[in-house]
Amino acid sequence: MITLEKNVPMPKSDGLPRQLYSFFDEMEVGDSFVFEGTAKELKAFRNALRTRNWRNKGERRFEWRWVGDDVMRVWRTA
């Protein structure tokens, strides 16, 4: 059974996802970097890139290519 509660304050966000990928905001068109990790880390990182591309609607765009096993290179293209 669910009990509704009123006037419970929401905790403030710790901002970790924003801090984790804040370097994206510093990148200029043509900049790139190499990302290495486990399959799980690479999947999470690709999802972050896709979300950023979707939210920015082409204003700031990132592309990636596999350059080896568990290694990808990411470019800022717009």
Protein backbone atom coordinates (compact mmCIF):
# COMPACT_ATOMS: atom_id res chain seq x y z
CA MET A 1 0.00 0.00 0.00
CA ILE A 2 1.24 3.51 -0.80
CA THR A 3 0.98 6.37 1.66
CA LEU A 4 1.06 9.85 0.15
CA GLU A 5 3.12 12.44 1.98
CA LYS A 6 2.86 16.20 1.55
CA ASN A 7 5.52 18.92 1.79
CA VAL A 8 8.54 16.61 1.76
CA PRO A 9 11.46 18.63 0.33
CA MET A 10 13.36 17.17 -2.61
CA PRO A 11 17.11 16.74 -1.97
CA LYS A 12 19.40 18.88 -4.10
CA SER A 13 21.13 17.19 -7.00
CA ASP A 14 24.78 16.38 -6.47
CA GLY A 15 25.45 17.19 -10.12
CA LEU A 16 27.64 14.14 -10.73
CA PRO A 17 26.56 13.39 -14.31
CA ARG A 18 27.13 17.01 -15.29
CA GLN A 19 30.57 17.02 -13.68
CA LEU A 20 31.48 13.66 -15.14
CA TYR A 21 31.08 14.84 -18.74
CA SER A 22 31.68 18.57 -18.26
CA PHE A 23 34.70 18.45 -20.60
CA PHE A 24 32.25 18.17 -23.53
CA ASP A 25 31.39 21.83 -22.98
CA GLU A 26 35.06 22.80 -23.33
CA MET A 27 35.56 21.04 -26.66
CA GLU A 28 35.72 23.01 -29.91
CA VAL A 29 34.82 21.73 -33.37
CA GLY A 30 37.59 19.38 -34.55
CA ASP A 31 38.76 18.42 -31.04
CA SER A 32 38.86 14.69 -30.29
CA PHE A 33 39.84 12.24 -27.58
CA VAL A 34 40.25 8.49 -27.08
CA PHE A 35 38.04 6.65 -24.60
CA GLU A 36 38.97 3.18 -23.35
CA GLY A 37 36.89 1.04 -21.05
CA THR A 38 34.94 -2.10 -20.45
CA ALA A 39 31.94 -2.95 -22.60
CA LYS A 40 29.66 -1.62 -19.85
CA GLU A 41 31.58 1.67 -19.57
CA LEU A 42 31.61 2.13 -23.35
CA LYS A 43 27.86 1.53 -23.56
CA ALA A 44 27.19 4.11 -20.82
CA PHE A 45 29.50 6.60 -22.53
CA ARG A 46 27.85 6.11 -25.94
CA ASN A 47 24.46 6.66 -24.31
CA ALA A 48 25.74 9.91 -22.81
CA LEU A 49 26.92 11.02 -26.26
CA ARG A 50 23.61 10.14 -27.88
CA THR A 51 21.69 12.00 -25.19
CA ARG A 52 23.90 15.05 -25.60
CA ASN A 53 23.43 14.99 -29.39
CA TRP A 54 19.67 14.69 -28.98
CA ARG A 55 19.42 17.50 -26.41
CA ASN A 56 21.60 19.90 -28.37
CA LYS A 57 19.58 19.44 -31.60
CA GLY A 58 22.64 19.87 -33.82
CA GLU A 59 24.00 22.92 -32.01
CA ARG A 60 26.86 20.87 -30.56
CA ARG A 61 27.35 17.44 -32.10
CA PHE A 62 29.66 14.54 -31.30
CA GLU A 63 30.57 11.53 -33.46
CA TRP A 64 32.52 8.42 -32.51
CA ARG A 65 34.33 5.59 -34.26
CA TRP A 66 35.79 2.36 -32.95
CA VAL A 67 39.58 2.36 -33.23
CA GLY A 68 40.28 -0.94 -31.50
CA ASP A 69 38.87 -3.46 -29.08
CA ASP A 70 37.14 -1.53 -26.29
CA VAL A 71 38.55 1.76 -27.63
CA MET A 72 36.66 4.58 -29.32
CA ARG A 73 37.65 8.02 -30.57
CA VAL A 74 35.17 10.86 -30.18
CA TRP A 75 35.12 14.11 -32.22
CA ARG A 76 33.15 17.29 -31.83
CA THR A 77 31.76 17.89 -35.33
CA ALA A 78 29.45 20.89 -34.82
